[in-house]
Amino acid sequence: MTTVNIATAKAHLSELVGKAEKGETIEIERHGKPVARLGPAEHPREPVDVDWLKTILDQLPETAAETTRHLREEGRY
């Protein structure tokens, strides 16, 4: 992690943003105490296709609890 004071951060902001884009975290200090942190942004997640997910879930086998419940309901357990 790189640590810089506010004046240096102001003077070299483009360079620091470039480092953050590459995954580095930069801590910004005022009077020797950390006050801010500059780091890489999180990329938004792609939306889930709910219909596709339901199709996949419907294809999964029953759990043991569901199988037992069905057997009890049918009077076979």
Protein backbone atom coordinates (compact mmCIF):
# COMPACT_ATOMS: atom_id res chain seq x y z
CA MET A 1 0.00 0.00 0.00
CA THR A 2 1.30 3.45 -0.92
CA THR A 3 0.92 6.28 1.57
CA VAL A 4 0.96 9.94 0.49
CA ASN A 5 0.02 13.26 2.04
CA ILE A 6 -2.78 15.40 0.63
CA ALA A 7 -0.46 17.81 -1.22
CA THR A 8 1.27 14.94 -3.00
CA ALA A 9 -2.08 13.33 -3.80
CA LYS A 10 -3.32 16.57 -5.36
CA ALA A 11 -0.14 16.99 -7.39
CA HIS A 12 -0.07 13.37 -8.64
CA LEU A 13 -3.74 12.44 -8.74
CA SER A 14 -3.65 11.00 -12.29
CA GLU A 15 -0.69 8.81 -11.43
CA LEU A 16 -2.35 7.60 -8.21
CA VAL A 17 -5.60 6.82 -10.03
CA GLY A 18 -3.57 4.81 -12.54
CA LYS A 19 -2.08 2.78 -9.70
CA ALA A 20 -5.55 2.24 -8.23
CA GLU A 21 -6.80 0.98 -11.60
CA LYS A 22 -4.05 -1.64 -11.48
CA GLY A 23 -5.28 -2.83 -8.08
CA GLU A 24 -3.06 -0.89 -5.68
CA THR A 25 -4.49 0.87 -2.64
CA ILE A 26 -3.27 4.39 -1.82
CA GLU A 27 -3.73 5.81 1.65
CA ILE A 28 -3.96 9.61 1.92
CA GLU A 29 -2.79 11.26 5.12
CA ARG A 30 -3.28 14.65 6.70
CA HIS A 31 -0.74 15.63 9.38
CA GLY A 32 0.53 12.04 9.44
CA LYS A 33 -2.87 10.46 10.08
CA PRO A 34 -4.82 8.49 7.47
CA VAL A 35 -7.96 10.31 6.29
CA ALA A 36 -8.84 8.60 2.99
CA ARG A 37 -8.12 5.54 0.91
CA LEU A 38 -8.02 5.34 -2.89
CA GLY A 39 -8.45 1.90 -4.40
CA PRO A 40 -9.79 -0.01 -7.38
CA ALA A 41 -13.52 0.27 -8.04
CA GLU A 42 -15.66 -2.85 -7.89
CA HIS A 43 -17.10 -3.87 -11.20
CA PRO A 44 -20.87 -4.26 -11.26
CA ARG A 45 -22.18 -7.81 -11.39
CA GLU A 46 -24.04 -9.02 -14.41
CA PRO A 47 -27.76 -9.59 -13.80
CA VAL A 48 -28.95 -13.16 -13.29
CA ASP A 49 -31.36 -14.62 -15.82
CA VAL A 50 -34.12 -15.67 -13.40
CA ASP A 51 -35.96 -17.88 -15.91
CA TRP A 52 -32.76 -19.82 -16.65
CA LEU A 53 -32.07 -20.21 -12.93
CA LYS A 54 -35.59 -21.55 -12.28
CA THR A 55 -35.12 -24.07 -15.10
CA ILE A 56 -31.87 -25.30 -13.56
CA LEU A 57 -33.37 -25.49 -10.06
CA ASP A 58 -36.35 -27.48 -11.33
CA GLN A 59 -33.93 -30.07 -12.76
CA LEU A 60 -32.18 -30.68 -9.43
CA PRO A 61 -33.08 -33.86 -7.55
CA GLU A 62 -35.12 -33.65 -4.36
CA THR A 63 -33.40 -33.36 -1.03
CA ALA A 64 -33.66 -36.23 1.45
CA ALA A 65 -36.12 -34.21 3.55
CA GLU A 66 -38.40 -33.60 0.56
CA THR A 67 -38.30 -37.28 -0.41
CA THR A 68 -39.19 -38.32 3.15
CA ARG A 69 -42.05 -35.80 3.27
CA HIS A 70 -43.47 -37.13 -0.03
CA LEU A 71 -43.25 -40.72 1.20
CA ARG A 72 -45.05 -39.80 4.42
CA GLU A 73 -47.77 -37.96 2.50
CA GLU A 74 -48.27 -41.03 0.30
CA GLY A 75 -48.43 -43.32 3.32
CA ARG A 76 -45.38 -45.32 2.25
CA TYR A 77 -43.17 -44.37 5.20
